[in-house]
All heavy atoms as atom14 arrays in JSON, in Angstrom:
{
  "sequence": "YKISEPKRGDVIVFDPPAEIDEGVGFIKRVIGLPGDTVEIKDQAVYIN",
  "atom14_mask": [
    [1, 1, 1, 1, 1, 1, 1, 1, 1, 1, 1, 1, 0, 0],
    [1, 1, 1, 1, 1, 1, 1, 1, 1, 0, 0, 0, 0, 0],
    [1, 1, 1, 1, 1, 1, 1, 1, 0, 0, 0, 0, 0, 0],
    [1, 1, 1, 1, 1, 1, 0, 0, 0, 0, 0, 0, 0, 0],
    [1, 1, 1, 1, 1, 1, 1, 1, 1, 0, 0, 0, 0, 0],
    [1, 1, 1, 1, 1, 1, 1, 0, 0, 0, 0, 0, 0, 0],
    [1, 1, 1, 1, 1, 1, 1, 1, 1, 0, 0, 0, 0, 0],
    [1, 1, 1, 1, 1, 1, 1, 1, 1, 1, 1, 0, 0, 0],
    [1, 1, 1, 1, 0, 0, 0, 0, 0, 0, 0, 0, 0, 0],
    [1, 1, 1, 1, 1, 1, 1, 1, 0, 0, 0, 0, 0, 0],
    [1, 1, 1, 1, 1, 1, 1, 0, 0, 0, 0, 0, 0, 0],
    [1, 1, 1, 1, 1, 1, 1, 1, 0, 0, 0, 0, 0, 0],
    [1, 1, 1, 1, 1, 1, 1, 0, 0, 0, 0, 0, 0, 0],
    [1, 1, 1, 1, 1, 1, 1, 1, 1, 1, 1, 0, 0, 0],
    [1, 1, 1, 1, 1, 1, 1, 1, 0, 0, 0, 0, 0, 0],
    [1, 1, 1, 1, 1, 1, 1, 0, 0, 0, 0, 0, 0, 0],
    [1, 1, 1, 1, 1, 1, 1, 0, 0, 0, 0, 0, 0, 0],
    [1, 1, 1, 1, 1, 0, 0, 0, 0, 0, 0, 0, 0, 0],
    [1, 1, 1, 1, 1, 1, 1, 1, 1, 0, 0, 0, 0, 0],
    [1, 1, 1, 1, 1, 1, 1, 1, 0, 0, 0, 0, 0, 0],
    [1, 1, 1, 1, 1, 1, 1, 1, 0, 0, 0, 0, 0, 0],
    [1, 1, 1, 1, 1, 1, 1, 1, 1, 0, 0, 0, 0, 0],
    [1, 1, 1, 1, 0, 0, 0, 0, 0, 0, 0, 0, 0, 0],
    [1, 1, 1, 1, 1, 1, 1, 0, 0, 0, 0, 0, 0, 0],
    [1, 1, 1, 1, 0, 0, 0, 0, 0, 0, 0, 0, 0, 0],
    [1, 1, 1, 1, 1, 1, 1, 1, 1, 1, 1, 0, 0, 0],
    [1, 1, 1, 1, 1, 1, 1, 1, 0, 0, 0, 0, 0, 0],
    [1, 1, 1, 1, 1, 1, 1, 1, 1, 0, 0, 0, 0, 0],
    [1, 1, 1, 1, 1, 1, 1, 1, 1, 1, 1, 0, 0, 0],
    [1, 1, 1, 1, 1, 1, 1, 0, 0, 0, 0, 0, 0, 0],
    [1, 1, 1, 1, 1, 1, 1, 1, 0, 0, 0, 0, 0, 0],
    [1, 1, 1, 1, 0, 0, 0, 0, 0, 0, 0, 0, 0, 0],
    [1, 1, 1, 1, 1, 1, 1, 1, 0, 0, 0, 0, 0, 0],
    [1, 1, 1, 1, 1, 1, 1, 0, 0, 0, 0, 0, 0, 0],
    [1, 1, 1, 1, 0, 0, 0, 0, 0, 0, 0, 0, 0, 0],
    [1, 1, 1, 1, 1, 1, 1, 1, 0, 0, 0, 0, 0, 0],
    [1, 1, 1, 1, 1, 1, 1, 0, 0, 0, 0, 0, 0, 0],
    [1, 1, 1, 1, 1, 1, 1, 0, 0, 0, 0, 0, 0, 0],
    [1, 1, 1, 1, 1, 1, 1, 1, 1, 0, 0, 0, 0, 0],
    [1, 1, 1, 1, 1, 1, 1, 1, 0, 0, 0, 0, 0, 0],
    [1, 1, 1, 1, 1, 1, 1, 1, 1, 0, 0, 0, 0, 0],
    [1, 1, 1, 1, 1, 1, 1, 1, 0, 0, 0, 0, 0, 0],
    [1, 1, 1, 1, 1, 1, 1, 1, 1, 0, 0, 0, 0, 0],
    [1, 1, 1, 1, 1, 0, 0, 0, 0, 0, 0, 0, 0, 0],
    [1, 1, 1, 1, 1, 1, 1, 0, 0, 0, 0, 0, 0, 0],
    [1, 1, 1, 1, 1, 1, 1, 1, 1, 1, 1, 1, 0, 0],
    [1, 1, 1, 1, 1, 1, 1, 1, 0, 0, 0, 0, 0, 0],
    [1, 1, 1, 1, 1, 1, 1, 1, 0, 0, 0, 0, 0, 0]
  ],
  "atom14_positions": [
    [[115.76, 179.6, 153.53], [114.71, 180.49, 154.03], [114.9, 181.93, 153.57], [114.21, 182.83, 154.04], [114.58, 180.35, 155.54], [114.3, 178.91, 155.89], [115.15, 178.18, 156.7], [113.2, 178.25, 155.35], [114.9, 176.84, 156.98], [112.95, 176.92, 155.6], [113.8, 176.22, 156.42], [113.56, 174.9, 156.68], [0.0, 0.0, 0.0], [0.0, 0.0, 0.0]],
    [[115.79, 182.11, 152.62], [115.87, 183.38, 151.9], [114.92, 183.32, 150.7], [114.5, 184.36, 150.19], [117.3, 183.64, 151.39], [118.36, 183.58, 152.45], [118.3, 184.75, 153.38], [119.5, 184.74, 154.3], [119.17, 184.92, 155.68], [0.0, 0.0, 0.0], [0.0, 0.0, 0.0], [0.0, 0.0, 0.0], [0.0, 0.0, 0.0], [0.0, 0.0, 0.0]],
    [[114.6, 182.08, 150.27], [113.75, 181.91, 149.09], [112.38, 181.31, 149.41], [111.5, 181.28, 148.56], [114.46, 181.07, 148.0], [114.91, 179.72, 148.55], [115.64, 181.82, 147.44], [115.6, 178.82, 147.54], [0.0, 0.0, 0.0], [0.0, 0.0, 0.0], [0.0, 0.0, 0.0], [0.0, 0.0, 0.0], [0.0, 0.0, 0.0], [0.0, 0.0, 0.0]],
    [[112.18, 180.83, 150.63], [110.87, 180.31, 151.04], [110.77, 180.33, 152.57], [111.77, 180.53, 153.25], [110.66, 178.88, 150.52], [111.5, 177.98, 151.2], [0.0, 0.0, 0.0], [0.0, 0.0, 0.0], [0.0, 0.0, 0.0], [0.0, 0.0, 0.0], [0.0, 0.0, 0.0], [0.0, 0.0, 0.0], [0.0, 0.0, 0.0], [0.0, 0.0, 0.0]],
    [[109.58, 180.1, 153.07], [109.33, 180.08, 154.51], [109.55, 178.66, 155.06], [109.34, 177.69, 154.33], [107.89, 180.51, 154.8], [107.56, 181.92, 154.38], [108.23, 182.97, 155.24], [108.24, 182.8, 156.48], [108.75, 183.95, 154.68], [0.0, 0.0, 0.0], [0.0, 0.0, 0.0], [0.0, 0.0, 0.0], [0.0, 0.0, 0.0], [0.0, 0.0, 0.0]],
    [[109.93, 178.54, 156.33], [110.01, 177.2, 156.93], [108.64, 176.52, 156.89], [107.6, 177.17, 157.01], [110.43, 177.48, 158.37], [111.09, 178.82, 158.32], [110.35, 179.58, 157.25], [0.0, 0.0, 0.0], [0.0, 0.0, 0.0], [0.0, 0.0, 0.0], [0.0, 0.0, 0.0], [0.0, 0.0, 0.0], [0.0, 0.0, 0.0], [0.0, 0.0, 0.0]],
    [[108.67, 175.21, 156.74], [107.45, 174.41, 156.73], [107.47, 173.44, 157.9], [108.55, 173.05, 158.36], [107.35, 173.63, 155.41], [107.17, 174.53, 154.2], [107.21, 173.75, 152.91], [107.1, 174.63, 151.7], [107.92, 175.8, 151.66], [0.0, 0.0, 0.0], [0.0, 0.0, 0.0], [0.0, 0.0, 0.0], [0.0, 0.0, 0.0], [0.0, 0.0, 0.0]],
    [[106.29, 173.06, 158.34], [106.19, 172.09, 159.43], [106.91, 170.81, 159.0], [106.73, 170.32, 157.9], [104.72, 171.79, 159.75], [104.55, 170.96, 161.0], [103.1, 170.69, 161.38], [102.09, 171.57, 160.84], [101.78, 172.78, 161.31], [102.42, 173.27, 162.34], [100.82, 173.5, 160.74], [0.0, 0.0, 0.0], [0.0, 0.0, 0.0], [0.0, 0.0, 0.0]],
    [[107.76, 170.31, 159.87], [108.52, 169.1, 159.59], [109.93, 169.36, 159.12], [110.76, 168.45, 159.14], [0.0, 0.0, 0.0], [0.0, 0.0, 0.0], [0.0, 0.0, 0.0], [0.0, 0.0, 0.0], [0.0, 0.0, 0.0], [0.0, 0.0, 0.0], [0.0, 0.0, 0.0], [0.0, 0.0, 0.0], [0.0, 0.0, 0.0], [0.0, 0.0, 0.0]],
    [[110.25, 170.59, 158.7], [111.62, 170.9, 158.29], [112.57, 170.71, 159.47], [112.24, 171.07, 160.62], [111.75, 172.35, 157.82], [111.14, 172.61, 156.45], [110.65, 171.65, 155.8], [111.15, 173.79, 156.03], [0.0, 0.0, 0.0], [0.0, 0.0, 0.0], [0.0, 0.0, 0.0], [0.0, 0.0, 0.0], [0.0, 0.0, 0.0], [0.0, 0.0, 0.0]],
    [[113.74, 170.18, 159.21], [114.79, 170.07, 160.21], [115.74, 171.25, 159.97], [116.27, 171.39, 158.87], [115.52, 168.72, 160.11], [116.68, 168.66, 161.1], [114.53, 167.57, 160.37], [0.0, 0.0, 0.0], [0.0, 0.0, 0.0], [0.0, 0.0, 0.0], [0.0, 0.0, 0.0], [0.0, 0.0, 0.0], [0.0, 0.0, 0.0], [0.0, 0.0, 0.0]],
    [[115.89, 172.08, 161.0], [116.63, 173.34, 160.84], [117.79, 173.44, 161.82], [117.78, 172.83, 162.88], [115.69, 174.55, 161.02], [115.09, 174.57, 162.43], [114.61, 174.57, 159.95], [114.38, 175.86, 162.79], [0.0, 0.0, 0.0], [0.0, 0.0, 0.0], [0.0, 0.0, 0.0], [0.0, 0.0, 0.0], [0.0, 0.0, 0.0], [0.0, 0.0, 0.0]],
    [[118.76, 174.26, 161.44], [119.84, 174.66, 162.33], [119.58, 176.13, 162.67], [119.3, 176.93, 161.78], [121.22, 174.48, 161.67], [122.33, 175.0, 162.57], [121.46, 173.02, 161.31], [0.0, 0.0, 0.0], [0.0, 0.0, 0.0], [0.0, 0.0, 0.0], [0.0, 0.0, 0.0], [0.0, 0.0, 0.0], [0.0, 0.0, 0.0], [0.0, 0.0, 0.0]],
    [[119.66, 176.47, 163.96], [119.33, 177.83, 164.38], [120.15, 178.23, 165.6], [120.73, 177.39, 166.29], [117.83, 177.94, 164.7], [117.39, 177.04, 165.82], [117.32, 177.51, 167.12], [117.06, 175.71, 165.58], [116.91, 176.67, 168.16], [116.65, 174.87, 166.6], [116.58, 175.36, 167.9], [0.0, 0.0, 0.0], [0.0, 0.0, 0.0], [0.0, 0.0, 0.0]],
    [[120.18, 179.53, 165.86], [120.79, 180.06, 167.08], [119.79, 179.87, 168.21], [118.66, 180.37, 168.12], [121.1, 181.55, 166.94], [122.27, 181.82, 166.03], [123.2, 181.0, 166.01], [122.26, 182.86, 165.34], [0.0, 0.0, 0.0], [0.0, 0.0, 0.0], [0.0, 0.0, 0.0], [0.0, 0.0, 0.0], [0.0, 0.0, 0.0], [0.0, 0.0, 0.0]],
    [[120.17, 179.16, 169.27], [119.24, 178.95, 170.38], [119.04, 180.25, 171.17], [119.82, 181.2, 171.03], [119.94, 177.89, 171.23], [121.39, 178.07, 170.93], [121.46, 178.52, 169.49], [0.0, 0.0, 0.0], [0.0, 0.0, 0.0], [0.0, 0.0, 0.0], [0.0, 0.0, 0.0], [0.0, 0.0, 0.0], [0.0, 0.0, 0.0], [0.0, 0.0, 0.0]],
    [[118.0, 180.27, 172.0], [117.78, 181.46, 172.84], [118.99, 181.75, 173.72], [119.73, 180.84, 174.1], [116.58, 181.06, 173.7], [115.91, 179.96, 172.95], [116.99, 179.25, 172.21], [0.0, 0.0, 0.0], [0.0, 0.0, 0.0], [0.0, 0.0, 0.0], [0.0, 0.0, 0.0], [0.0, 0.0, 0.0], [0.0, 0.0, 0.0], [0.0, 0.0, 0.0]],
    [[119.17, 183.03, 174.07], [120.32, 183.46, 174.87], [120.41, 182.71, 176.19], [121.51, 182.44, 176.68], [120.25, 184.97, 175.1], [0.0, 0.0, 0.0], [0.0, 0.0, 0.0], [0.0, 0.0, 0.0], [0.0, 0.0, 0.0], [0.0, 0.0, 0.0], [0.0, 0.0, 0.0], [0.0, 0.0, 0.0], [0.0, 0.0, 0.0], [0.0, 0.0, 0.0]],
    [[119.27, 182.34, 176.77], [119.28, 181.68, 178.09], [120.01, 180.34, 178.06], [120.46, 179.86, 179.1], [117.86, 181.49, 178.61], [117.06, 180.44, 177.84], [115.61, 180.35, 178.25], [114.84, 181.25, 177.87], [115.26, 179.39, 178.95], [0.0, 0.0, 0.0], [0.0, 0.0, 0.0], [0.0, 0.0, 0.0], [0.0, 0.0, 0.0], [0.0, 0.0, 0.0]],
    [[120.11, 179.71, 176.89], [120.78, 178.41, 176.8], [121.86, 178.38, 175.74], [122.36, 177.32, 175.38], [119.78, 177.28, 176.52], [118.91, 177.64, 175.32], [118.95, 176.95, 177.7], [118.54, 176.46, 174.52], [0.0, 0.0, 0.0], [0.0, 0.0, 0.0], [0.0, 0.0, 0.0], [0.0, 0.0, 0.0], [0.0, 0.0, 0.0], [0.0, 0.0, 0.0]],
    [[122.25, 179.53, 175.23], [123.24, 179.58, 174.15], [124.54, 178.92, 174.6], [125.14, 179.33, 175.58], [123.49, 181.03, 173.73], [124.25, 181.12, 172.42], [124.73, 180.07, 171.93], [124.35, 182.23, 171.9], [0.0, 0.0, 0.0], [0.0, 0.0, 0.0], [0.0, 0.0, 0.0], [0.0, 0.0, 0.0], [0.0, 0.0, 0.0], [0.0, 0.0, 0.0]],
    [[124.94, 177.9, 173.87], [126.17, 177.17, 174.16], [127.24, 177.46, 173.12], [128.24, 176.75, 173.03], [125.86, 175.67, 174.22], [124.86, 175.32, 175.32], [124.38, 173.87, 175.28], [124.78, 173.12, 174.37], [123.63, 173.51, 176.19], [0.0, 0.0, 0.0], [0.0, 0.0, 0.0], [0.0, 0.0, 0.0], [0.0, 0.0, 0.0], [0.0, 0.0, 0.0]],
    [[127.04, 178.49, 172.32], [128.02, 178.86, 171.32], [127.97, 178.03, 170.04], [128.83, 178.17, 169.19], [0.0, 0.0, 0.0], [0.0, 0.0, 0.0], [0.0, 0.0, 0.0], [0.0, 0.0, 0.0], [0.0, 0.0, 0.0], [0.0, 0.0, 0.0], [0.0, 0.0, 0.0], [0.0, 0.0, 0.0], [0.0, 0.0, 0.0], [0.0, 0.0, 0.0]],
    [[126.98, 177.15, 169.94], [126.82, 176.33, 168.73], [125.36, 176.35, 168.31], [124.47, 176.57, 169.13], [127.27, 174.86, 168.95], [128.75, 174.78, 169.24], [126.47, 174.19, 170.05], [0.0, 0.0, 0.0], [0.0, 0.0, 0.0], [0.0, 0.0, 0.0], [0.0, 0.0, 0.0], [0.0, 0.0, 0.0], [0.0, 0.0, 0.0], [0.0, 0.0, 0.0]],
    [[125.12, 176.11, 167.03], [123.75, 176.05, 166.54], [123.06, 174.79, 167.04], [123.69, 173.76, 167.27], [0.0, 0.0, 0.0], [0.0, 0.0, 0.0], [0.0, 0.0, 0.0], [0.0, 0.0, 0.0], [0.0, 0.0, 0.0], [0.0, 0.0, 0.0], [0.0, 0.0, 0.0], [0.0, 0.0, 0.0], [0.0, 0.0, 0.0], [0.0, 0.0, 0.0]],
    [[121.76, 174.89, 167.22], [120.93, 173.75, 167.58], [120.28, 173.21, 166.32], [120.06, 173.95, 165.36], [119.82, 174.19, 168.55], [120.21, 174.19, 169.99], [121.5, 174.43, 170.4], [119.26, 173.95, 170.96], [121.85, 174.44, 171.75], [119.58, 173.95, 172.3], [120.88, 174.19, 172.7], [0.0, 0.0, 0.0], [0.0, 0.0, 0.0], [0.0, 0.0, 0.0]],
    [[119.92, 171.93, 166.33], [119.2, 171.33, 165.22], [117.93, 170.7, 165.78], [117.99, 169.89, 166.71], [120.08, 170.33, 164.43], [119.36, 169.85, 163.17], [120.55, 169.19, 165.31], [120.28, 169.22, 162.14], [0.0, 0.0, 0.0], [0.0, 0.0, 0.0], [0.0, 0.0, 0.0], [0.0, 0.0, 0.0], [0.0, 0.0, 0.0], [0.0, 0.0, 0.0]],
    [[116.79, 171.13, 165.26], [115.47, 170.65, 165.72], [114.52, 170.63, 164.53], [114.84, 171.09, 163.44], [114.89, 171.55, 166.81], [115.78, 171.81, 168.01], [115.94, 170.63, 168.91], [116.84, 170.98, 170.09], [117.49, 169.86, 170.67], [0.0, 0.0, 0.0], [0.0, 0.0, 0.0], [0.0, 0.0, 0.0], [0.0, 0.0, 0.0], [0.0, 0.0, 0.0]],
    [[113.31, 170.17, 164.8], [112.28, 170.09, 163.76], [111.25, 171.2, 163.98], [110.81, 171.44, 165.11], [111.59, 168.72, 163.85], [110.67, 168.43, 162.68], [110.11, 167.03, 162.76], [111.1, 165.98, 162.68], [111.59, 165.45, 161.56], [111.17, 165.9, 160.39], [112.48, 164.48, 161.6], [0.0, 0.0, 0.0], [0.0, 0.0, 0.0], [0.0, 0.0, 0.0]],
    [[110.86, 171.88, 162.9], [109.82, 172.91, 162.98], [108.48, 172.21, 163.2], [108.08, 171.34, 162.43], [109.76, 173.76, 161.69], [108.59, 174.73, 161.73], [111.07, 174.49, 161.47], [0.0, 0.0, 0.0], [0.0, 0.0, 0.0], [0.0, 0.0, 0.0], [0.0, 0.0, 0.0], [0.0, 0.0, 0.0], [0.0, 0.0, 0.0], [0.0, 0.0, 0.0]],
    [[107.79, 172.59, 164.27], [106.5, 172.0, 164.62], [105.38, 173.03, 164.48], [104.37, 172.79, 163.86], [106.52, 171.42, 166.05], [107.58, 170.31, 166.17], [105.14, 170.92, 166.46], [107.35, 169.09, 165.31], [0.0, 0.0, 0.0], [0.0, 0.0, 0.0], [0.0, 0.0, 0.0], [0.0, 0.0, 0.0], [0.0, 0.0, 0.0], [0.0, 0.0, 0.0]],
    [[105.57, 174.19, 165.09], [104.54, 175.24, 165.06], [104.93, 176.38, 164.15], [106.04, 176.91, 164.23], [0.0, 0.0, 0.0], [0.0, 0.0, 0.0], [0.0, 0.0, 0.0], [0.0, 0.0, 0.0], [0.0, 0.0, 0.0], [0.0, 0.0, 0.0], [0.0, 0.0, 0.0], [0.0, 0.0, 0.0], [0.0, 0.0, 0.0], [0.0, 0.0, 0.0]],
    [[104.01, 176.75, 163.28], [104.2, 177.87, 162.35], [103.49, 179.11, 162.88], [102.63, 179.01, 163.77], [103.63, 177.48, 160.98], [104.23, 176.23, 160.34], [103.47, 175.87, 159.06], [105.71, 176.42, 160.05], [0.0, 0.0, 0.0], [0.0, 0.0, 0.0], [0.0, 0.0, 0.0], [0.0, 0.0, 0.0], [0.0, 0.0, 0.0], [0.0, 0.0, 0.0]],
    [[103.81, 180.3, 162.35], [103.14, 181.51, 162.82], [101.62, 181.36, 162.78], [101.05, 180.91, 161.79], [103.62, 182.57, 161.83], [104.94, 182.06, 161.35], [104.79, 180.57, 161.29], [0.0, 0.0, 0.0], [0.0, 0.0, 0.0], [0.0, 0.0, 0.0], [0.0, 0.0, 0.0], [0.0, 0.0, 0.0], [0.0, 0.0, 0.0], [0.0, 0.0, 0.0]],
    [[100.97, 181.72, 163.92], [99.52, 181.64, 164.02], [98.99, 180.32, 164.55], [97.84, 180.23, 164.96], [0.0, 0.0, 0.0], [0.0, 0.0, 0.0], [0.0, 0.0, 0.0], [0.0, 0.0, 0.0], [0.0, 0.0, 0.0], [0.0, 0.0, 0.0], [0.0, 0.0, 0.0], [0.0, 0.0, 0.0], [0.0, 0.0, 0.0], [0.0, 0.0, 0.0]],
    [[99.81, 179.27, 164.58], [99.39, 177.97, 165.11], [99.24, 178.0, 166.61], [100.01, 178.68, 167.3], [100.42, 176.87, 164.79], [100.4, 176.37, 163.36], [99.42, 176.66, 162.65], [101.37, 175.7, 162.97], [0.0, 0.0, 0.0], [0.0, 0.0, 0.0], [0.0, 0.0, 0.0], [0.0, 0.0, 0.0], [0.0, 0.0, 0.0], [0.0, 0.0, 0.0]],
    [[98.28, 177.25, 167.13], [98.2, 177.0, 168.56], [98.78, 175.62, 168.8], [98.35, 174.64, 168.18], [96.74, 177.07, 169.06], [96.26, 178.4, 168.82], [96.65, 176.76, 170.54], [0.0, 0.0, 0.0], [0.0, 0.0, 0.0], [0.0, 0.0, 0.0], [0.0, 0.0, 0.0], [0.0, 0.0, 0.0], [0.0, 0.0, 0.0], [0.0, 0.0, 0.0]],
    [[99.79, 175.56, 169.65], [100.52, 174.32, 169.92], [100.26, 173.89, 171.36], [100.32, 174.69, 172.29], [102.04, 174.51, 169.72], [102.8, 173.22, 170.02], [102.35, 175.01, 168.33], [0.0, 0.0, 0.0], [0.0, 0.0, 0.0], [0.0, 0.0, 0.0], [0.0, 0.0, 0.0], [0.0, 0.0, 0.0], [0.0, 0.0, 0.0], [0.0, 0.0, 0.0]],
    [[99.99, 172.59, 171.51], [99.79, 172.03, 172.85], [100.36, 170.61, 172.85], [100.23, 169.87, 171.87], [98.31, 171.99, 173.2], [98.03, 171.51, 174.6], [96.57, 171.62, 175.0], [95.7, 171.8, 174.11], [96.29, 171.52, 176.21], [0.0, 0.0, 0.0], [0.0, 0.0, 0.0], [0.0, 0.0, 0.0], [0.0, 0.0, 0.0], [0.0, 0.0, 0.0]],
    [[101.0, 170.25, 173.97], [101.48, 168.87, 174.17], [100.7, 168.3, 175.34], [100.75, 168.85, 176.45], [103.0, 168.83, 174.45], [103.79, 169.5, 173.32], [103.46, 167.37, 174.65], [105.27, 169.67, 173.61], [0.0, 0.0, 0.0], [0.0, 0.0, 0.0], [0.0, 0.0, 0.0], [0.0, 0.0, 0.0], [0.0, 0.0, 0.0], [0.0, 0.0, 0.0]],
    [[99.97, 167.23, 175.06], [99.2, 166.56, 176.11], [98.92, 165.13, 175.66], [98.95, 164.82, 174.47], [97.89, 167.29, 176.42], [96.9, 167.29, 175.27], [95.61, 168.01, 175.63], [94.66, 167.94, 174.45], [93.4, 168.6, 174.71], [0.0, 0.0, 0.0], [0.0, 0.0, 0.0], [0.0, 0.0, 0.0], [0.0, 0.0, 0.0], [0.0, 0.0, 0.0]],
    [[98.67, 164.26, 176.62], [98.33, 162.87, 176.32], [99.33, 162.23, 175.35], [98.95, 161.5, 174.45], [96.91, 162.78, 175.73], [95.86, 163.39, 176.63], [96.01, 163.28, 177.86], [94.91, 163.99, 176.1], [0.0, 0.0, 0.0], [0.0, 0.0, 0.0], [0.0, 0.0, 0.0], [0.0, 0.0, 0.0], [0.0, 0.0, 0.0], [0.0, 0.0, 0.0]],
    [[100.62, 162.55, 175.54], [101.72, 162.0, 174.74], [101.63, 162.33, 173.25], [102.14, 161.6, 172.42], [101.83, 160.5, 174.94], [102.18, 160.12, 176.37], [102.52, 158.65, 176.5], [101.87, 157.79, 175.92], [103.55, 158.38, 177.27], [0.0, 0.0, 0.0], [0.0, 0.0, 0.0], [0.0, 0.0, 0.0], [0.0, 0.0, 0.0], [0.0, 0.0, 0.0]],
    [[101.01, 163.46, 172.92], [100.9, 163.87, 171.52], [101.04, 165.39, 171.42], [100.79, 166.11, 172.38], [99.57, 163.44, 170.92], [0.0, 0.0, 0.0], [0.0, 0.0, 0.0], [0.0, 0.0, 0.0], [0.0, 0.0, 0.0], [0.0, 0.0, 0.0], [0.0, 0.0, 0.0], [0.0, 0.0, 0.0], [0.0, 0.0, 0.0], [0.0, 0.0, 0.0]],
    [[101.43, 165.85, 170.25], [101.48, 167.28, 169.96], [100.22, 167.6, 169.18], [99.87, 166.91, 168.22], [102.73, 167.64, 169.13], [102.67, 169.09, 168.69], [104.0, 167.38, 169.92], [0.0, 0.0, 0.0], [0.0, 0.0, 0.0], [0.0, 0.0, 0.0], [0.0, 0.0, 0.0], [0.0, 0.0, 0.0], [0.0, 0.0, 0.0], [0.0, 0.0, 0.0]],
    [[99.55, 168.66, 169.62], [98.34, 169.12, 168.94], [98.62, 170.47, 168.29], [99.14, 171.38, 168.94], [97.18, 169.25, 169.94], [96.7, 167.91, 170.44], [97.36, 167.27, 171.48], [95.61, 167.28, 169.85], [96.94, 166.03, 171.93], [95.19, 166.04, 170.29], [95.85, 165.42, 171.33], [95.43, 164.18, 171.76], [0.0, 0.0, 0.0], [0.0, 0.0, 0.0]],
    [[98.26, 170.57, 167.03], [98.36, 171.83, 166.29], [96.93, 172.25, 165.97], [96.19, 171.53, 165.3], [99.16, 171.66, 164.99], [100.56, 171.11, 165.27], [99.21, 172.97, 164.2], [101.46, 172.04, 166.05], [0.0, 0.0, 0.0], [0.0, 0.0, 0.0], [0.0, 0.0, 0.0], [0.0, 0.0, 0.0], [0.0, 0.0, 0.0], [0.0, 0.0, 0.0]],
    [[96.54, 173.39, 166.52], [95.19, 173.93, 166.31], [94.13, 172.88, 166.68], [93.13, 172.71, 165.99], [95.01, 174.42, 164.87], [96.04, 175.47, 164.51], [96.36, 176.34, 165.33], [96.59, 175.39, 163.32], [0.0, 0.0, 0.0], [0.0, 0.0, 0.0], [0.0, 0.0, 0.0], [0.0, 0.0, 0.0], [0.0, 0.0, 0.0], [0.0, 0.0, 0.0]]
  ]
}
């Protein structure tokens, strides 16, 4: 991400928010990109 922006579906390692920081990086999948509206309902994720 020094040479490109994260894309939806990328699996990333990141520093979690301070409220849950356990001293280790978290690994998750990028779902929402800047400007996206994200909603979870009816057992699905909706983007825009």
